[in-house]
Amino acid sequence: MGLTTRVIARLDVKPPHVVKGRRFDGLRVMGSLYECAQRAQDQGADELLYVDIVASLYGRPLNGECIDAVSRDLFIPLTVCGGIRTLEDVRTAMRLGADKVALNTAAVERADLVGEIGRRYGAQAVVLSVEAKWMTPDWLAYTHGGRERSGLDVIQAVWLPESYGEILLTSVDRDGCGTGCDLGLIQTVRDAVRDVPIIASGGIGMPEHALEAIQAGADAVAVASCLYTTGLAPIKSHLKLAGVPIRDA
């Protein structure tokens, strides 16, 4: 695991716009792809996470035009999620500026694709995206933009036979709520997968929430709503004051 904690800007995209909602629903337009990507970079984001939240739901292909709009004039690492179904999709995303790709629905429907990408580009280029909902007595893994049950609980989802570089762990229950991350979810996955970095996503509405996620076992946080309210600087300052090693903005 890395020694530096990352604050990642997450752009949820319903092409051609960046959108934000609550629990993946009630979406409202936040701005253009280029403007939001530049805002994140200017705020000191360590990385940018582009998530096409409807690609799998509607069966849409990888949107190269949108990725190009995000990556233009971007100088921080970019992860592309949504519409990745083949090695050719990965090649296209990389050609357009992606450093990593994240798989959710495709990782469930075709787990061998994770291994194929890892062998071609290295495991560090593959992010396993897990969208989780609490359904007593377990957290269940969902696909298709958080709408379809995968048939797996989150532990089964992260125990893929193929290797990957990190986990994007999204709480659908907390998404857009600003009430804090699902710390129990983070702790559960951390206990199950000790040596893989976890990016906690969903629920961060104030700097304290980011610190709580790191203390629960996350190695990075993905922030969306704060991009349009407080900005990322207060989050990075709070982590730094708490003794968490971060990259200076």
C-alpha atoms as a PDB file:
ATOM      1  CA  MET A   1       0.000   0.000   0.000  1.00  0.00           C
ATOM      2  CA  GLY A   2       1.074   3.556  -0.626  1.00  0.00           C
ATOM      3  CA  LEU A   3       2.196   5.770   2.226  1.00  0.00           C
ATOM      4  CA  THR A   4       0.299   8.806   0.956  1.00  0.00           C
ATOM      5  CA  THR A   5      -3.457   9.152   1.359  1.00  0.00           C
ATOM      6  CA  ARG A   6      -5.206  10.344  -1.786  1.00  0.00           C
ATOM      7  CA  VAL A   7      -8.159  12.683  -2.073  1.00  0.00           C
ATOM      8  CA  ILE A   8      -9.809  11.750  -5.362  1.00  0.00           C
ATOM      9  CA  ALA A   9     -12.376  13.852  -7.194  1.00  0.00           C
ATOM     10  CA  ARG A  10     -15.276  11.762  -8.463  1.00  0.00           C
ATOM     11  CA  LEU A  11     -17.269  12.923 -11.477  1.00  0.00           C
ATOM     12  CA  ASP A  12     -20.499  10.991 -11.968  1.00  0.00           C
ATOM     13  CA  VAL A  13     -21.425  11.336 -15.614  1.00  0.00           C
ATOM     14  CA  LYS A  14     -24.659  10.935 -17.522  1.00  0.00           C
ATOM     15  CA  PRO A  15     -23.333  11.891 -20.931  1.00  0.00           C
ATOM     16  CA  PRO A  16     -22.789  14.620 -21.851  1.00  0.00           C
ATOM     17  CA  HIS A  17     -23.058  16.162 -18.358  1.00  0.00           C
ATOM     18  CA  VAL A  18     -21.600  15.735 -14.892  1.00  0.00           C
ATOM     19  CA  VAL A  19     -24.496  14.951 -12.558  1.00  0.00           C
ATOM     20  CA  LYS A  20     -25.083  14.374  -8.854  1.00  0.00           C
ATOM     21  CA  GLY A  21     -27.910  12.755  -6.985  1.00  0.00           C
ATOM     22  CA  ARG A  22     -28.709  10.795  -3.848  1.00  0.00           C
ATOM     23  CA  ARG A  23     -28.333   7.037  -3.788  1.00  0.00           C
ATOM     24  CA  PHE A  24     -27.740   7.108  -7.570  1.00  0.00           C
ATOM     25  CA  ASP A  25     -31.139   8.714  -8.143  1.00  0.00           C
ATOM     26  CA  GLY A  26     -32.663  12.197  -8.501  1.00  0.00           C
ATOM     27  CA  LEU A  27     -29.812  13.348 -10.734  1.00  0.00           C
ATOM     28  CA  ARG A  28     -29.177  17.037 -11.339  1.00  0.00           C
ATOM     29  CA  VAL A  29     -26.705  18.579 -13.755  1.00  0.00           C
ATOM     30  CA  MET A  30     -23.575  20.052 -12.103  1.00  0.00           C
ATOM     31  CA  GLY A  31     -21.725  21.315 -15.173  1.00  0.00           C
ATOM     32  CA  SER A  32     -19.742  20.373 -18.226  1.00  0.00           C
ATOM     33  CA  LEU A  33     -17.153  17.619 -18.167  1.00  0.00           C
ATOM     34  CA  TYR A  34     -14.241  19.901 -18.991  1.00  0.00           C
ATOM     35  CA  GLU A  35     -15.200  22.564 -16.442  1.00  0.00           C
ATOM     36  CA  CYS A  36     -15.738  20.053 -13.631  1.00  0.00           C
ATOM     37  CA  ALA A  37     -12.477  18.264 -14.380  1.00  0.00           C
ATOM     38  CA  GLN A  38     -10.573  21.538 -14.303  1.00  0.00           C
ATOM     39  CA  ARG A  39     -12.325  22.555 -11.070  1.00  0.00           C
ATOM     40  CA  ALA A  40     -11.220  19.321  -9.437  1.00  0.00           C
ATOM     41  CA  GLN A  41      -7.647  19.758 -10.616  1.00  0.00           C
ATOM     42  CA  ASP A  42      -7.562  23.388  -9.455  1.00  0.00           C
ATOM     43  CA  GLN A  43      -8.823  22.328  -6.018  1.00  0.00           C
ATOM     44  CA  GLY A  44      -5.847  20.014  -5.586  1.00  0.00           C
ATOM     45  CA  ALA A  45      -7.378  16.626  -6.329  1.00  0.00           C
ATOM     46  CA  ASP A  46      -4.741  13.892  -6.356  1.00  0.00           C
ATOM     47  CA  GLU A  47      -6.607  11.911  -9.006  1.00  0.00           C
ATOM     48  CA  LEU A  48      -9.777  12.146 -11.054  1.00  0.00           C
ATOM     49  CA  LEU A  49     -12.375   9.390 -11.212  1.00  0.00           C
ATOM     50  CA  TYR A  50     -14.722   9.493 -14.210  1.00  0.00           C
ATOM     51  CA  VAL A  51     -17.797   7.278 -13.707  1.00  0.00           C
ATOM     52  CA  ASP A  52     -20.337   6.871 -16.506  1.00  0.00           C
ATOM     53  CA  ILE A  53     -23.225   5.861 -14.263  1.00  0.00           C
ATOM     54  CA  VAL A  54     -25.582   4.792 -17.068  1.00  0.00           C
ATOM     55  CA  ALA A  55     -23.308   2.923 -19.502  1.00  0.00           C
ATOM     56  CA  SER A  56     -24.048  -0.521 -18.082  1.00  0.00           C
ATOM     57  CA  LEU A  57     -27.654   0.287 -17.206  1.00  0.00           C
ATOM     58  CA  TYR A  58     -28.492   1.288 -20.784  1.00  0.00           C
ATOM     59  CA  GLY A  59     -26.001  -1.013 -22.486  1.00  0.00           C
ATOM     60  CA  ARG A  60     -24.055   1.932 -23.910  1.00  0.00           C
ATOM     61  CA  PRO A  61     -20.502   1.609 -25.204  1.00  0.00           C
ATOM     62  CA  LEU A  62     -17.500   3.437 -23.830  1.00  0.00           C
ATOM     63  CA  ASN A  63     -17.973   7.144 -24.538  1.00  0.00           C
ATOM     64  CA  GLY A  64     -14.701   8.286 -26.049  1.00  0.00           C
ATOM     65  CA  GLU A  65     -15.914  11.835 -26.644  1.00  0.00           C
ATOM     66  CA  CYS A  66     -16.672  12.302 -22.947  1.00  0.00           C
ATOM     67  CA  ILE A  67     -13.351  10.818 -21.853  1.00  0.00           C
ATOM     68  CA  ASP A  68     -11.551  13.139 -24.239  1.00  0.00           C
ATOM     69  CA  ALA A  69     -13.409  16.125 -22.741  1.00  0.00           C
ATOM     70  CA  VAL A  70     -12.370  15.115 -19.218  1.00  0.00           C
ATOM     71  CA  SER A  71      -8.735  14.351 -20.006  1.00  0.00           C
ATOM     72  CA  ARG A  72      -8.075  17.513 -22.007  1.00  0.00           C
ATOM     73  CA  ASP A  73      -5.573  19.687 -20.085  1.00  0.00           C
ATOM     74  CA  LEU A  74      -5.609  17.229 -17.174  1.00  0.00           C
ATOM     75  CA  PHE A  75      -2.308  16.704 -15.356  1.00  0.00           C
ATOM     76  CA  ILE A  76      -3.414  14.320 -12.609  1.00  0.00           C
ATOM     77  CA  PRO A  77      -4.060  10.569 -12.966  1.00  0.00           C
ATOM     78  CA  LEU A  78      -7.410   9.609 -14.484  1.00  0.00           C
ATOM     79  CA  THR A  79      -9.457   6.472 -13.832  1.00  0.00           C
ATOM     80  CA  VAL A  80     -12.286   5.657 -16.236  1.00  0.00           C
ATOM     81  CA  CYS A  81     -15.267   3.608 -15.091  1.00  0.00           C
ATOM     82  CA  GLY A  82     -18.357   2.713 -17.115  1.00  0.00           C
ATOM     83  CA  GLY A  83     -18.655   0.990 -20.471  1.00  0.00           C
ATOM     84  CA  ILE A  84     -15.453  -1.066 -20.112  1.00  0.00           C
ATOM     85  CA  ARG A  85     -16.326  -4.491 -21.501  1.00  0.00           C
ATOM     86  CA  THR A  86     -13.364  -5.559 -23.636  1.00  0.00           C
ATOM     87  CA  LEU A  87      -9.616  -5.136 -23.966  1.00  0.00           C
ATOM     88  CA  GLU A  88     -10.324  -2.866 -26.923  1.00  0.00           C
ATOM     89  CA  ASP A  89     -12.342  -0.594 -24.614  1.00  0.00           C
ATOM     90  CA  VAL A  90      -9.363  -0.456 -22.262  1.00  0.00           C
ATOM     91  CA  ARG A  91      -7.020   0.366 -25.137  1.00  0.00           C
ATOM     92  CA  THR A  92      -9.340   3.174 -26.230  1.00  0.00           C
ATOM     93  CA  ALA A  93      -9.607   4.603 -22.713  1.00  0.00           C
ATOM     94  CA  MET A  94      -5.830   4.546 -22.303  1.00  0.00           C
ATOM     95  CA  ARG A  95      -5.310   6.176 -25.694  1.00  0.00           C
ATOM     96  CA  LEU A  96      -7.669   8.984 -24.645  1.00  0.00           C
ATOM     97  CA  GLY A  97      -5.752   9.665 -21.450  1.00  0.00           C
ATOM     98  CA  ALA A  98      -6.832   7.146 -18.814  1.00  0.00           C
ATOM     99  CA  ASP A  99      -4.180   5.790 -16.449  1.00  0.00           C
ATOM    100  CA  LYS A 100      -6.487   3.147 -14.963  1.00  0.00           C
ATOM    101  CA  VAL A 101      -9.863   1.576 -15.675  1.00  0.00           C
ATOM    102  CA  ALA A 102     -12.480   0.471 -13.161  1.00  0.00           C
ATOM    103  CA  LEU A 103     -14.860  -2.440 -13.679  1.00  0.00           C
ATOM    104  CA  ASN A 104     -18.106  -3.175 -11.898  1.00  0.00           C
ATOM    105  CA  THR A 105     -20.730  -4.925 -14.014  1.00  0.00           C
ATOM    106  CA  ALA A 106     -18.156  -6.447 -16.367  1.00  0.00           C
ATOM    107  CA  ALA A 107     -16.149  -7.808 -13.416  1.00  0.00           C
ATOM    108  CA  VAL A 108     -19.205  -9.785 -12.317  1.00  0.00           C
ATOM    109  CA  GLU A 109     -20.383 -10.876 -15.740  1.00  0.00           C
ATOM    110  CA  ARG A 110     -16.911 -11.697 -17.039  1.00  0.00           C
ATOM    111  CA  ALA A 111     -14.395 -11.973 -14.216  1.00  0.00           C
ATOM    112  CA  ASP A 112     -11.635 -13.161 -16.569  1.00  0.00           C
ATOM    113  CA  LEU A 113     -11.566  -9.676 -18.111  1.00  0.00           C
ATOM    114  CA  VAL A 114      -9.968  -8.369 -14.902  1.00  0.00           C
ATOM    115  CA  GLY A 115      -7.123 -10.831 -15.354  1.00  0.00           C
ATOM    116  CA  GLU A 116      -6.778 -10.074 -19.062  1.00  0.00           C
ATOM    117  CA  ILE A 117      -6.400  -6.363 -18.377  1.00  0.00           C
ATOM    118  CA  GLY A 118      -3.952  -7.062 -15.575  1.00  0.00           C
ATOM    119  CA  ARG A 119      -1.779  -9.226 -17.786  1.00  0.00           C
ATOM    120  CA  ARG A 120      -1.789  -6.651 -20.589  1.00  0.00           C
ATOM    121  CA  TYR A 121      -1.403  -3.435 -18.590  1.00  0.00           C
ATOM    122  CA  GLY A 122      -0.447  -4.575 -15.066  1.00  0.00           C
ATOM    123  CA  ALA A 123      -2.692  -5.158 -12.063  1.00  0.00           C
ATOM    124  CA  GLN A 124      -2.130  -1.552 -10.965  1.00  0.00           C
ATOM    125  CA  ALA A 125      -4.151  -0.420 -13.993  1.00  0.00           C
ATOM    126  CA  VAL A 126      -7.268  -2.301 -12.849  1.00  0.00           C
ATOM    127  CA  VAL A 127      -9.683  -1.001 -10.212  1.00  0.00           C
ATOM    128  CA  LEU A 128     -12.448  -3.279  -8.958  1.00  0.00           C
ATOM    129  CA  SER A 129     -15.573  -1.180  -8.446  1.00  0.00           C
ATOM    130  CA  VAL A 130     -17.952  -2.535  -5.805  1.00  0.00           C
ATOM    131  CA  GLU A 131     -21.313  -0.823  -5.338  1.00  0.00           C
ATOM    132  CA  ALA A 132     -22.764  -1.952  -2.029  1.00  0.00           C
ATOM    133  CA  LYS A 133     -26.133  -1.772  -0.307  1.00  0.00           C
ATOM    134  CA  TRP A 134     -26.960  -2.963   3.189  1.00  0.00           C
ATOM    135  CA  MET A 135     -29.579  -5.703   3.042  1.00  0.00           C
ATOM    136  CA  THR A 136     -29.808  -7.346   6.472  1.00  0.00           C
ATOM    137  CA  PRO A 137     -27.699  -9.235   7.450  1.00  0.00           C
ATOM    138  CA  ASP A 138     -25.051  -8.407   4.787  1.00  0.00           C
ATOM    139  CA  TRP A 139     -23.800  -5.780   2.386  1.00  0.00           C
ATOM    140  CA  LEU A 140     -24.691  -6.943  -1.104  1.00  0.00           C
ATOM    141  CA  ALA A 141     -22.846  -6.054  -4.292  1.00  0.00           C
ATOM    142  CA  TYR A 142     -24.874  -4.408  -7.049  1.00  0.00           C
ATOM    143  CA  THR A 143     -24.269  -3.843 -10.751  1.00  0.00           C
ATOM    144  CA  HIS A 144     -25.782  -1.709 -13.534  1.00  0.00           C
ATOM    145  CA  GLY A 145     -25.420   1.590 -11.735  1.00  0.00           C
ATOM    146  CA  GLY A 146     -26.435   0.240  -8.344  1.00  0.00           C
ATOM    147  CA  ARG A 147     -29.741  -1.150  -9.610  1.00  0.00           C
ATOM    148  CA  GLU A 148     -29.236  -4.887 -10.102  1.00  0.00           C
ATOM    149  CA  ARG A 149     -28.256  -7.469  -7.524  1.00  0.00           C
ATOM    150  CA  SER A 150     -25.099  -9.244  -8.567  1.00  0.00           C
ATOM    151  CA  GLY A 151     -25.889 -12.368  -6.563  1.00  0.00           C
ATOM    152  CA  LEU A 152     -22.764 -11.746  -4.471  1.00  0.00           C
ATOM    153  CA  ASP A 153     -22.164 -10.182  -1.109  1.00  0.00           C
ATOM    154  CA  VAL A 154     -19.336  -7.666  -0.942  1.00  0.00           C
ATOM    155  CA  ILE A 155     -16.838 -10.205   0.393  1.00  0.00           C
ATOM    156  CA  GLN A 156     -17.519 -12.574  -2.481  1.00  0.00           C
ATOM    157  CA  ALA A 157     -17.235  -9.632  -4.870  1.00  0.00           C
ATOM    158  CA  VAL A 158     -13.766  -8.618  -3.695  1.00  0.00           C
ATOM    159  CA  TRP A 159     -12.503 -12.196  -3.627  1.00  0.00           C
ATOM    160  CA  LEU A 160     -12.213 -12.434  -7.395  1.00  0.00           C
ATOM    161  CA  PRO A 161      -9.818 -15.131  -8.620  1.00  0.00           C
ATOM    162  CA  GLU A 162      -8.023 -12.544 -10.746  1.00  0.00           C
ATOM    163  CA  SER A 163      -5.730  -9.841  -9.345  1.00  0.00           C
ATOM    164  CA  TYR A 164      -6.467  -6.133  -9.420  1.00  0.00           C
ATOM    165  CA  GLY A 165      -4.768  -3.007  -8.109  1.00  0.00           C
ATOM    166  CA  GLU A 166      -7.328  -1.429  -5.801  1.00  0.00           C
ATOM    167  CA  ILE A 167     -10.981  -1.390  -4.795  1.00  0.00           C
ATOM    168  CA  LEU A 168     -13.412   1.455  -5.391  1.00  0.00           C
ATOM    169  CA  LEU A 169     -15.886   0.793  -2.582  1.00  0.00           C
ATOM    170  CA  THR A 170     -19.089   2.802  -2.995  1.00  0.00           C
ATOM    171  CA  SER A 171     -21.922   2.832  -0.489  1.00  0.00           C
ATOM    172  CA  VAL A 172     -25.073   3.357  -2.540  1.00  0.00           C
ATOM    173  CA  ASP A 173     -26.979   3.944   0.707  1.00  0.00           C
ATOM    174  CA  ARG A 174     -24.771   6.942   1.571  1.00  0.00           C
ATOM    175  CA  ASP A 175     -24.220   8.328  -1.924  1.00  0.00           C
ATOM    176  CA  GLY A 176     -24.952  12.063  -2.038  1.00  0.00           C
ATOM    177  CA  CYS A 177     -26.290  12.150   1.507  1.00  0.00           C
ATOM    178  CA  GLY A 178     -23.337  13.943   3.120  1.00  0.00           C
ATOM    179  CA  THR A 179     -23.829  12.041   6.376  1.00  0.00           C
ATOM    180  CA  GLY A 180     -20.509  10.213   6.384  1.00  0.00           C
ATOM    181  CA  CYS A 181     -19.193   7.001   4.888  1.00  0.00           C
ATOM    182  CA  ASP A 182     -20.478   3.569   5.828  1.00  0.00           C
ATOM    183  CA  LEU A 183     -17.653   2.786   8.236  1.00  0.00           C
ATOM    184  CA  GLY A 184     -18.858  -0.757   8.875  1.00  0.00           C
ATOM    185  CA  LEU A 185     -18.676  -1.489   5.149  1.00  0.00           C
ATOM    186  CA  ILE A 186     -15.120  -0.162   4.950  1.00  0.00           C
ATOM    187  CA  GLN A 187     -14.017  -2.138   8.004  1.00  0.00           C
ATOM    188  CA  THR A 188     -15.601  -5.335   6.688  1.00  0.00           C
ATOM    189  CA  VAL A 189     -13.813  -5.132   3.339  1.00  0.00           C
ATOM    190  CA  ARG A 190     -10.553  -4.061   4.993  1.00  0.00           C
ATOM    191  CA  ASP A 191     -10.649  -7.156   7.211  1.00  0.00           C
ATOM    192  CA  ALA A 192     -11.316  -9.380   4.203  1.00  0.00           C
ATOM    193  CA  VAL A 193      -8.709  -7.920   1.834  1.00  0.00           C
ATOM    194  CA  ARG A 194      -5.660  -6.807   3.751  1.00  0.00           C
ATOM    195  CA  ASP A 195      -3.202  -5.981   0.996  1.00  0.00           C
ATOM    196  CA  VAL A 196      -5.305  -4.095  -1.556  1.00  0.00           C
ATOM    197  CA  PRO A 197      -5.875  -0.319  -1.295  1.00  0.00           C
ATOM    198  CA  ILE A 198      -9.472   0.758  -0.719  1.00  0.00           C
ATOM    199  CA  ILE A 199     -10.984   3.958  -2.096  1.00  0.00           C
ATOM    200  CA  ALA A 200     -14.002   4.888   0.048  1.00  0.00           C
ATOM    201  CA  SER A 201     -16.831   6.571  -1.859  1.00  0.00           C
ATOM    202  CA  GLY A 202     -20.268   7.736  -0.847  1.00  0.00           C
ATOM    203  CA  GLY A 203     -21.298  10.008   2.003  1.00  0.00           C
ATOM    204  CA  ILE A 204     -18.470  12.500   2.463  1.00  0.00           C
ATOM    205  CA  GLY A 205     -20.048  15.861   3.228  1.00  0.00           C
ATOM    206  CA  MET A 206     -17.443  17.420   5.498  1.00  0.00           C
ATOM    207  CA  PRO A 207     -13.727  16.992   6.261  1.00  0.00           C
ATOM    208  CA  GLU A 208     -14.367  14.873   9.359  1.00  0.00           C
ATOM    209  CA  HIS A 209     -16.048  12.232   7.237  1.00  0.00           C
ATOM    210  CA  ALA A 210     -12.903  11.746   5.163  1.00  0.00           C
ATOM    211  CA  LEU A 211     -10.806  11.252   8.286  1.00  0.00           C
ATOM    212  CA  GLU A 212     -13.292   8.723   9.668  1.00  0.00           C
ATOM    213  CA  ALA A 213     -13.078   6.730   6.435  1.00  0.00           C
ATOM    214  CA  ILE A 214      -9.280   6.633   6.590  1.00  0.00           C
ATOM    215  CA  GLN A 215      -9.371   5.594  10.246  1.00  0.00           C
ATOM    216  CA  ALA A 216     -11.810   2.798   9.343  1.00  0.00           C
ATOM    217  CA  GLY A 217      -9.307   1.317   6.879  1.00  0.00           C
ATOM    218  CA  ALA A 218      -9.573   3.227   3.600  1.00  0.00           C
ATOM    219  CA  ASP A 219      -6.420   4.300   1.799  1.00  0.00           C
ATOM    220  CA  ALA A 220      -8.115   7.031  -0.221  1.00  0.00           C
ATOM    221  CA  VAL A 221     -11.427   8.863  -0.411  1.00  0.00           C
ATOM    222  CA  ALA A 222     -13.450   9.726  -3.504  1.00  0.00           C
ATOM    223  CA  VAL A 223     -15.300  13.010  -3.089  1.00  0.00           C
ATOM    224  CA  ALA A 224     -18.109  14.280  -5.299  1.00  0.00           C
ATOM    225  CA  SER A 225     -20.579  16.662  -3.614  1.00  0.00           C
ATOM    226  CA  CYS A 226     -17.862  18.662  -1.844  1.00  0.00           C
ATOM    227  CA  LEU A 227     -16.446  19.661  -5.218  1.00  0.00           C
ATOM    228  CA  TYR A 228     -19.455  21.952  -5.595  1.00  0.00           C
ATOM    229  CA  THR A 229     -19.747  23.146  -1.998  1.00  0.00           C
ATOM    230  CA  THR A 230     -16.769  23.381   0.366  1.00  0.00           C
ATOM    231  CA  GLY A 231     -14.128  22.290  -2.148  1.00  0.00           C
ATOM    232  CA  LEU A 232     -11.326  19.807  -1.503  1.00  0.00           C
ATOM    233  CA  ALA A 233      -8.896  22.105   0.348  1.00  0.00           C
ATOM    234  CA  PRO A 234     -10.653  21.834   3.757  1.00  0.00           C
ATOM    235  CA  ILE A 235     -10.606  18.043   3.476  1.00  0.00           C
ATOM    236  CA  LYS A 236      -6.886  17.921   2.720  1.00  0.00           C
ATOM    237  CA  SER A 237      -6.134  20.427   5.492  1.00  0.00           C
ATOM    238  CA  HIS A 238      -8.142  18.434   8.018  1.00  0.00           C
ATOM    239  CA  LEU A 239      -6.371  15.201   7.120  1.00  0.00           C
ATOM    240  CA  LYS A 240      -2.979  16.892   7.328  1.00  0.00           C
ATOM    241  CA  LEU A 241      -3.729  18.391  10.748  1.00  0.00           C
ATOM    242  CA  ALA A 242      -4.772  14.924  11.938  1.00  0.00           C
ATOM    243  CA  GLY A 243      -1.373  13.557  10.931  1.00  0.00           C
ATOM    244  CA  VAL A 244      -2.529  11.767   7.789  1.00  0.00           C
ATOM    245  CA  PRO A 245       0.190  11.900   5.102  1.00  0.00           C
ATOM    246  CA  ILE A 246      -1.216  13.641   2.023  1.00  0.00           C
ATOM    247  CA  ARG A 247       0.040  15.332  -1.092  1.00  0.00           C
ATOM    248  CA  ASP A 248       0.007  19.090  -0.690  1.00  0.00           C
ATOM    249  CA  ALA A 249      -2.428  20.891  -2.962  1.00  0.00           C
END
